[in-house]
Amino acid sequence: MALTKGKHIVKEIDSVLCTVVESGISNERMSFLKELLEFNKFEVKTEEDKTEVKTKPEAKEEAETKVEVKPEKVTTFTIGVTDLVFNPMIAVYENSLKRPNGEVVSPAYWNQQPEKPGLPYFEYRKKNPNAINEDEFIPVTHNYSTV
């Protein structure tokens, strides 16, 4: 589900109604989110999804031969929190979740992607008060015309 959809899904996990944070995720992703949400004092419930069997066809040598299929078992998980009004998209974008080191959880951190260094545009002027605003030096001809 990640942060691309703001849909609120409620599901029963371990006989408790939970807000689904993400579903169909790997074990590594599930443990990452579980640690993050438990650090933010949410009661986390996890459930192993039904085992899916993915098939991968082998290379075709001739059109007449049958394609051999190898079944592959993939275990996925669903993670949820018992707080029914929790929405991960809102929580991340309103900066209400914290990391274990005290910083705010960013969308890149939530999605386990590398973060881009640099200041957000709205803090640039605060950190660099002597920065030159280029718009002040662009002449606007209609301001000087007389009628």
N, C-alpha and C. Protein backbone atom coordinates (compact mmCIF):
# COMPACT_ATOMS: atom_id res chain seq x y z
N MET A 1 0.83 -1.18 0.00
CA MET A 1 0.00 0.00 0.00
C MET A 1 0.88 1.24 0.00
N ALA A 2 1.93 1.25 0.75
CA ALA A 2 2.90 2.34 0.81
C ALA A 2 2.22 3.69 1.04
N LEU A 3 2.80 4.75 0.48
CA LEU A 3 2.24 6.09 0.68
C LEU A 3 1.56 6.61 -0.57
N THR A 4 1.32 5.74 -1.53
CA THR A 4 0.72 6.19 -2.78
C THR A 4 -0.80 6.23 -2.70
N LYS A 5 -1.39 5.55 -1.75
CA LYS A 5 -2.84 5.52 -1.62
C LYS A 5 -3.23 5.92 -0.20
N GLY A 6 -4.20 6.78 -0.09
CA GLY A 6 -4.65 7.22 1.22
C GLY A 6 -5.87 6.48 1.71
N LYS A 7 -6.19 5.38 1.07
CA LYS A 7 -7.38 4.62 1.43
C LYS A 7 -7.21 4.00 2.81
N HIS A 8 -8.27 4.05 3.59
CA HIS A 8 -8.26 3.53 4.95
C HIS A 8 -8.90 2.13 4.94
N ILE A 9 -8.10 1.10 5.26
CA ILE A 9 -8.59 -0.27 5.25
C ILE A 9 -8.56 -0.82 6.66
N VAL A 10 -9.68 -1.37 7.10
CA VAL A 10 -9.78 -1.99 8.42
C VAL A 10 -9.97 -3.48 8.21
N LYS A 11 -9.19 -4.27 8.95
CA LYS A 11 -9.21 -5.71 8.81
C LYS A 11 -9.01 -6.34 10.18
N GLU A 12 -9.54 -7.53 10.36
CA GLU A 12 -9.36 -8.24 11.61
C GLU A 12 -8.08 -9.06 11.55
N ILE A 13 -7.14 -8.75 12.45
CA ILE A 13 -5.88 -9.47 12.55
C ILE A 13 -5.77 -10.01 13.97
N ASP A 14 -5.58 -11.31 14.10
CA ASP A 14 -5.51 -11.96 15.42
C ASP A 14 -6.75 -11.65 16.25
N SER A 15 -7.90 -11.68 15.62
CA SER A 15 -9.21 -11.41 16.24
C SER A 15 -9.30 -10.02 16.87
N VAL A 16 -8.55 -9.06 16.33
CA VAL A 16 -8.61 -7.66 16.77
C VAL A 16 -8.76 -6.80 15.52
N LEU A 17 -9.69 -5.84 15.54
CA LEU A 17 -9.84 -4.93 14.41
C LEU A 17 -8.63 -4.01 14.34
N CYS A 18 -8.03 -3.94 13.16
CA CYS A 18 -6.82 -3.14 12.98
C CYS A 18 -6.92 -2.32 11.70
N THR A 19 -6.20 -1.21 11.69
CA THR A 19 -6.01 -0.46 10.46
C THR A 19 -4.83 -1.07 9.73
N VAL A 20 -5.03 -1.46 8.50
CA VAL A 20 -3.96 -2.07 7.72
C VAL A 20 -2.99 -0.98 7.29
N VAL A 21 -1.73 -1.15 7.67
CA VAL A 21 -0.69 -0.21 7.28
C VAL A 21 -0.17 -0.58 5.90
N GLU A 22 0.24 -1.83 5.74
CA GLU A 22 0.66 -2.34 4.43
C GLU A 22 0.33 -3.82 4.36
N SER A 23 0.09 -4.30 3.17
CA SER A 23 -0.18 -5.73 2.99
C SER A 23 0.62 -6.23 1.80
N GLY A 24 0.89 -7.53 1.80
CA GLY A 24 1.65 -8.13 0.72
C GLY A 24 3.11 -7.74 0.75
N ILE A 25 3.68 -7.59 1.94
CA ILE A 25 5.07 -7.13 2.07
C ILE A 25 5.97 -8.28 2.50
N SER A 26 7.26 -8.09 2.32
CA SER A 26 8.24 -9.12 2.68
C SER A 26 8.49 -9.10 4.19
N ASN A 27 9.21 -10.10 4.65
CA ASN A 27 9.52 -10.20 6.08
C ASN A 27 10.42 -9.05 6.53
N GLU A 28 11.38 -8.64 5.70
CA GLU A 28 12.28 -7.54 6.05
C GLU A 28 11.51 -6.22 6.19
N ARG A 29 10.61 -5.96 5.26
CA ARG A 29 9.80 -4.74 5.31
C ARG A 29 8.88 -4.76 6.52
N MET A 30 8.32 -5.94 6.82
CA MET A 30 7.43 -6.07 7.96
C MET A 30 8.18 -5.78 9.26
N SER A 31 9.39 -6.30 9.41
CA SER A 31 10.15 -6.06 10.64
C SER A 31 10.56 -4.59 10.75
N PHE A 32 10.89 -3.94 9.62
CA PHE A 32 11.24 -2.52 9.63
C PHE A 32 10.05 -1.67 10.11
N LEU A 33 8.88 -1.91 9.52
CA LEU A 33 7.69 -1.13 9.90
C LEU A 33 7.26 -1.43 11.32
N LYS A 34 7.39 -2.68 11.75
CA LYS A 34 6.98 -3.06 13.10
C LYS A 34 7.84 -2.33 14.14
N GLU A 35 9.15 -2.29 13.92
CA GLU A 35 10.04 -1.58 14.85
C GLU A 35 9.72 -0.08 14.87
N LEU A 36 9.47 0.50 13.69
CA LEU A 36 9.19 1.92 13.60
C LEU A 36 7.88 2.27 14.30
N LEU A 37 6.83 1.49 14.06
CA LEU A 37 5.53 1.78 14.66
C LEU A 37 5.53 1.51 16.16
N GLU A 38 6.22 0.47 16.61
CA GLU A 38 6.29 0.20 18.05
C GLU A 38 7.09 1.29 18.76
N PHE A 39 8.10 1.85 18.10
CA PHE A 39 8.84 2.96 18.68
C PHE A 39 7.93 4.18 18.87
N ASN A 40 6.96 4.35 17.97
CA ASN A 40 6.01 5.45 18.07
C ASN A 40 4.79 5.10 18.91
N LYS A 41 4.90 4.06 19.71
CA LYS A 41 3.90 3.65 20.71
C LYS A 41 2.57 3.20 20.11
N PHE A 42 2.64 2.49 18.98
CA PHE A 42 1.46 1.87 18.41
C PHE A 42 1.50 0.39 18.73
N GLU A 43 0.33 -0.20 18.96
CA GLU A 43 0.25 -1.64 19.15
C GLU A 43 0.14 -2.27 17.76
N VAL A 44 1.13 -3.08 17.41
CA VAL A 44 1.25 -3.61 16.05
C VAL A 44 0.82 -5.07 16.02
N LYS A 45 0.03 -5.42 15.01
CA LYS A 45 -0.37 -6.81 14.77
C LYS A 45 0.09 -7.20 13.37
N THR A 46 0.63 -8.41 13.26
CA THR A 46 1.06 -8.90 11.96
C THR A 46 0.36 -10.22 11.66
N GLU A 47 0.23 -10.48 10.37
CA GLU A 47 -0.43 -11.71 9.95
C GLU A 47 0.27 -12.19 8.68
N GLU A 48 0.53 -13.49 8.64
CA GLU A 48 1.11 -14.07 7.44
C GLU A 48 -0.01 -14.30 6.43
N ASP A 49 0.18 -13.77 5.24
CA ASP A 49 -0.83 -13.96 4.19
C ASP A 49 -0.77 -15.39 3.70
N LYS A 50 -1.80 -15.76 2.98
CA LYS A 50 -1.81 -17.08 2.37
C LYS A 50 -0.61 -17.19 1.42
N THR A 51 0.03 -18.33 1.45
CA THR A 51 1.22 -18.53 0.63
C THR A 51 0.83 -18.51 -0.85
N GLU A 52 1.47 -17.66 -1.59
CA GLU A 52 1.21 -17.55 -3.01
C GLU A 52 2.19 -18.44 -3.76
N VAL A 53 1.74 -19.02 -4.80
CA VAL A 53 2.61 -19.84 -5.64
C VAL A 53 2.82 -19.09 -6.95
N LYS A 54 4.06 -18.67 -7.17
CA LYS A 54 4.39 -17.98 -8.41
C LYS A 54 5.05 -18.98 -9.33
N THR A 55 4.72 -18.89 -10.57
CA THR A 55 5.30 -19.82 -11.54
C THR A 55 6.19 -19.06 -12.49
N LYS A 56 7.32 -19.68 -12.80
CA LYS A 56 8.25 -19.09 -13.75
C LYS A 56 8.48 -20.09 -14.88
N PRO A 57 8.06 -19.76 -16.08
CA PRO A 57 8.29 -20.70 -17.19
C PRO A 57 9.77 -20.72 -17.56
N GLU A 58 10.24 -21.89 -17.94
CA GLU A 58 11.63 -22.03 -18.40
C GLU A 58 11.71 -21.59 -19.85
N ALA A 59 12.91 -21.48 -20.35
CA ALA A 59 13.11 -21.01 -21.72
C ALA A 59 12.49 -21.99 -22.72
N LYS A 60 11.85 -21.44 -23.73
CA LYS A 60 11.21 -22.27 -24.75
C LYS A 60 12.24 -22.63 -25.81
N GLU A 61 12.37 -23.91 -26.05
CA GLU A 61 13.29 -24.34 -27.11
C GLU A 61 12.55 -24.48 -28.43
N GLU A 62 11.40 -25.13 -28.37
CA GLU A 62 10.59 -25.28 -29.58
C GLU A 62 9.15 -24.97 -29.22
N ALA A 63 8.41 -24.58 -30.21
CA ALA A 63 7.01 -24.24 -29.98
C ALA A 63 6.17 -25.46 -29.65
N GLU A 64 6.60 -26.63 -30.09
CA GLU A 64 5.82 -27.84 -29.88
C GLU A 64 6.03 -28.45 -28.49
N THR A 65 7.15 -28.17 -27.85
CA THR A 65 7.42 -28.77 -26.54
C THR A 65 6.63 -28.05 -25.46
N LYS A 66 6.34 -28.78 -24.41
CA LYS A 66 5.62 -28.18 -23.29
C LYS A 66 6.59 -27.35 -22.45
N VAL A 67 6.07 -26.29 -21.91
CA VAL A 67 6.87 -25.42 -21.07
C VAL A 67 6.81 -25.96 -19.65
N GLU A 68 7.99 -26.20 -19.06
CA GLU A 68 8.03 -26.68 -17.68
C GLU A 68 7.88 -25.50 -16.74
N VAL A 69 7.10 -25.70 -15.70
CA VAL A 69 6.82 -24.64 -14.76
C VAL A 69 7.30 -25.07 -13.38
N LYS A 70 8.09 -24.20 -12.76
CA LYS A 70 8.57 -24.48 -11.40
C LYS A 70 7.78 -23.62 -10.42
N PRO A 71 7.07 -24.24 -9.49
CA PRO A 71 6.35 -23.44 -8.50
C PRO A 71 7.32 -22.83 -7.48
N GLU A 72 7.05 -21.61 -7.12
CA GLU A 72 7.89 -20.91 -6.15
C GLU A 72 6.99 -20.34 -5.06
N LYS A 73 7.28 -20.69 -3.82
CA LYS A 73 6.46 -20.20 -2.72
C LYS A 73 7.00 -18.86 -2.22
N VAL A 74 6.12 -17.91 -2.10
CA VAL A 74 6.48 -16.59 -1.61
C VAL A 74 5.60 -16.29 -0.40
N THR A 75 6.23 -15.98 0.71
CA THR A 75 5.49 -15.65 1.92
C THR A 75 5.39 -14.14 2.04
N THR A 76 4.19 -13.64 2.16
CA THR A 76 3.97 -12.21 2.34
C THR A 76 3.24 -11.97 3.66
N PHE A 77 3.30 -10.74 4.12
CA PHE A 77 2.72 -10.40 5.41
C PHE A 77 1.82 -9.18 5.29
N THR A 78 0.90 -9.09 6.25
CA THR A 78 0.07 -7.91 6.42
C THR A 78 0.37 -7.34 7.80
N ILE A 79 0.57 -6.04 7.87
CA ILE A 79 0.86 -5.39 9.14
C ILE A 79 -0.21 -4.34 9.40
N GLY A 80 -0.65 -4.27 10.64
CA GLY A 80 -1.68 -3.31 11.02
C GLY A 80 -1.46 -2.79 12.43
N VAL A 81 -2.15 -1.73 12.76
CA VAL A 81 -2.10 -1.16 14.11
C VAL A 81 -3.52 -1.15 14.68
N THR A 82 -3.62 -1.25 16.00
CA THR A 82 -4.93 -1.32 16.63
C THR A 82 -5.63 0.03 16.71
N ASP A 83 -4.92 1.11 16.43
CA ASP A 83 -5.52 2.44 16.39
C ASP A 83 -6.31 2.56 15.09
N LEU A 84 -7.64 2.58 15.17
CA LEU A 84 -8.48 2.53 13.98
C LEU A 84 -8.49 3.83 13.18
N VAL A 85 -8.05 4.94 13.77
CA VAL A 85 -8.03 6.20 13.02
C VAL A 85 -6.66 6.49 12.44
N PHE A 86 -5.71 5.60 12.61
CA PHE A 86 -4.37 5.79 12.09
C PHE A 86 -4.37 5.65 10.57
N ASN A 87 -3.74 6.59 9.90
CA ASN A 87 -3.55 6.53 8.45
C ASN A 87 -2.08 6.81 8.20
N PRO A 88 -1.33 5.85 7.64
CA PRO A 88 0.11 6.06 7.48
C PRO A 88 0.47 7.24 6.59
N MET A 89 -0.33 7.50 5.58
CA MET A 89 -0.03 8.62 4.69
C MET A 89 -0.12 9.96 5.44
N ILE A 90 -1.17 10.12 6.21
CA ILE A 90 -1.34 11.35 6.99
C ILE A 90 -0.26 11.46 8.05
N ALA A 91 0.05 10.35 8.72
CA ALA A 91 1.05 10.37 9.79
C ALA A 91 2.43 10.77 9.28
N VAL A 92 2.80 10.30 8.11
CA VAL A 92 4.12 10.63 7.56
C VAL A 92 4.16 12.08 7.10
N TYR A 93 3.14 12.52 6.38
CA TYR A 93 3.17 13.87 5.81
C TYR A 93 2.88 14.97 6.82
N GLU A 94 2.29 14.65 7.96
CA GLU A 94 2.13 15.68 8.99
C GLU A 94 3.25 15.61 10.02
N ASN A 95 4.27 14.78 9.75
CA ASN A 95 5.47 14.66 10.57
C ASN A 95 5.17 14.25 12.01
N SER A 96 4.22 13.36 12.20
CA SER A 96 3.90 12.91 13.56
C SER A 96 4.64 11.64 13.96
N LEU A 97 5.33 11.00 13.02
CA LEU A 97 6.12 9.81 13.34
C LEU A 97 7.58 10.20 13.51
N LYS A 98 8.25 9.59 14.49
CA LYS A 98 9.65 9.87 14.75
C LYS A 98 10.49 8.62 14.52
N ARG A 99 11.74 8.84 14.15
CA ARG A 99 12.70 7.75 14.00
C ARG A 99 13.31 7.45 15.37
N PRO A 100 13.96 6.31 15.51
CA PRO A 100 14.63 6.03 16.78
C PRO A 100 15.72 7.04 17.14
N ASN A 101 16.33 7.72 16.16
CA ASN A 101 17.35 8.72 16.47
C ASN A 101 16.76 10.09 16.75
N GLY A 102 15.43 10.23 16.72
CA GLY A 102 14.78 11.48 17.08
C GLY A 102 14.34 12.33 15.90
N GLU A 103 14.78 12.02 14.70
CA GLU A 103 14.39 12.80 13.54
C GLU A 103 12.98 12.42 13.09
N VAL A 104 12.42 13.25 12.24
CA VAL A 104 11.08 13.01 11.70
C VAL A 104 11.16 11.98 10.58
N VAL A 105 10.15 11.13 10.50
CA VAL A 105 10.09 10.13 9.43
C VAL A 105 9.67 10.83 8.14
N SER A 106 10.52 10.74 7.14
CA SER A 106 10.22 11.33 5.84
C SER A 106 9.62 10.27 4.93
N PRO A 107 8.97 10.67 3.84
CA PRO A 107 8.44 9.67 2.91
C PRO A 107 9.52 8.74 2.35
N ALA A 108 10.71 9.25 2.12
CA ALA A 108 11.80 8.41 1.62
C ALA A 108 12.21 7.38 2.67
N TYR A 109 12.27 7.79 3.93
CA TYR A 109 12.62 6.85 4.99
C TYR A 109 11.54 5.78 5.15
N TRP A 110 10.28 6.17 5.08
CA TRP A 110 9.17 5.22 5.19
C TRP A 110 9.24 4.18 4.07
N ASN A 111 9.55 4.63 2.86
CA ASN A 111 9.62 3.72 1.71
C ASN A 111 10.97 3.03 1.59
N GLN A 112 11.87 3.26 2.53
CA GLN A 112 13.20 2.69 2.57
C GLN A 112 13.98 3.01 1.30
N GLN A 113 13.96 4.28 0.95
CA GLN A 113 14.70 4.77 -0.19
C GLN A 113 15.76 5.75 0.31
N PRO A 114 16.83 5.95 -0.44
CA PRO A 114 17.84 6.92 0.01
C PRO A 114 17.27 8.33 0.00
N GLU A 115 17.64 9.10 1.02
CA GLU A 115 17.13 10.46 1.13
C GLU A 115 18.06 11.42 0.41
N LYS A 116 17.48 12.44 -0.19
CA LYS A 116 18.26 13.45 -0.89
C LYS A 116 18.70 14.51 0.12
N PRO A 117 20.00 14.79 0.17
CA PRO A 117 20.44 15.83 1.11
C PRO A 117 20.04 17.21 0.61
N GLY A 118 19.92 18.13 1.52
CA GLY A 118 19.58 19.49 1.14
C GLY A 118 18.43 20.01 1.97
N LEU A 119 18.24 21.29 1.89
CA LEU A 119 17.18 21.93 2.64
C LEU A 119 15.89 21.97 1.84
N PRO A 120 14.76 21.85 2.52
CA PRO A 120 13.50 22.10 1.81
C PRO A 120 13.41 23.57 1.41
N TYR A 121 12.66 23.83 0.37
CA TYR A 121 12.59 25.20 -0.16
C TYR A 121 12.10 26.20 0.88
N PHE A 122 11.24 25.78 1.81
CA PHE A 122 10.66 26.73 2.76
C PHE A 122 11.61 27.04 3.92
N GLU A 123 12.71 26.30 4.07
CA GLU A 123 13.68 26.59 5.12
C GLU A 123 14.95 27.20 4.56
N TYR A 124 15.05 27.34 3.26
CA TYR A 124 16.28 27.85 2.65
C TYR A 124 16.57 29.28 3.09
N ARG A 125 15.57 30.14 3.09
CA ARG A 125 15.77 31.54 3.46
C ARG A 125 16.13 31.67 4.94
N LYS A 126 15.56 30.80 5.80
CA LYS A 126 15.90 30.85 7.23
C LYS A 126 17.36 30.50 7.47
N LYS A 127 17.87 29.51 6.76
CA LYS A 127 19.25 29.06 6.96
C LYS A 127 20.25 29.94 6.23
N ASN A 128 19.81 30.62 5.16
CA ASN A 128 20.69 31.48 4.36
C ASN A 128 20.08 32.88 4.25
N PRO A 129 20.15 33.69 5.30
CA PRO A 129 19.48 35.00 5.25
C PRO A 129 20.10 35.96 4.25
N ASN A 130 21.37 35.76 3.86
CA ASN A 130 22.01 36.67 2.91
C ASN A 130 21.89 36.20 1.47
N ALA A 131 21.06 35.22 1.22
CA ALA A 131 20.89 34.72 -0.14
C ALA A 131 20.23 35.79 -0.99
N ILE A 132 20.65 35.85 -2.23
CA ILE A 132 20.12 36.86 -3.15
C ILE A 132 18.90 36.28 -3.85
N ASN A 133 17.83 37.04 -3.83
CA ASN A 133 16.63 36.66 -4.55
C ASN A 133 16.75 37.21 -5.96
N GLU A 134 16.88 36.35 -6.94
CA GLU A 134 17.11 36.79 -8.31
C GLU A 134 15.90 37.53 -8.89
N ASP A 135 14.72 37.29 -8.37
CA ASP A 135 13.53 37.96 -8.91
C ASP A 135 13.56 39.46 -8.64
N GLU A 136 14.30 39.92 -7.63
CA GLU A 136 14.35 41.34 -7.32
C GLU A 136 15.13 42.11 -8.37
N PHE A 137 16.02 41.44 -9.12
CA PHE A 137 16.89 42.13 -10.06
C PHE A 137 16.41 42.05 -11.50
N ILE A 138 15.30 41.38 -11.74
CA ILE A 138 14.77 41.28 -13.09
C ILE A 138 13.91 42.52 -13.34
N PRO A 139 14.28 43.32 -14.32
CA PRO A 139 13.48 44.53 -14.57
C PRO A 139 12.12 44.18 -15.18
N VAL A 140 11.12 44.83 -14.69
CA VAL A 140 9.77 44.63 -15.20
C VAL A 140 9.40 45.92 -15.94
N THR A 141 9.27 45.82 -17.25
CA THR A 141 9.10 47.03 -18.07
C THR A 141 7.74 47.69 -17.89
N HIS A 142 6.71 46.92 -17.59
CA HIS A 142 5.40 47.55 -17.49
C HIS A 142 5.25 48.41 -16.22
N ASN A 143 6.15 48.27 -15.27
CA ASN A 143 6.09 49.10 -14.08
C ASN A 143 6.57 50.52 -14.36
N TYR A 144 7.40 50.72 -15.39
CA TYR A 144 7.99 52.02 -15.67
C TYR A 144 7.31 52.76 -16.81
N SER A 145 6.32 52.19 -17.42
CA SER A 145 5.69 52.85 -18.55
C SER A 145 4.71 53.90 -18.09
N THR A 146 4.61 54.97 -18.84
CA THR A 146 3.64 56.02 -18.53
C THR A 146 2.59 56.05 -19.61
N VAL A 147 1.41 56.44 -19.24
CA VAL A 147 0.31 56.46 -20.18
C VAL A 147 0.01 57.85 -20.62
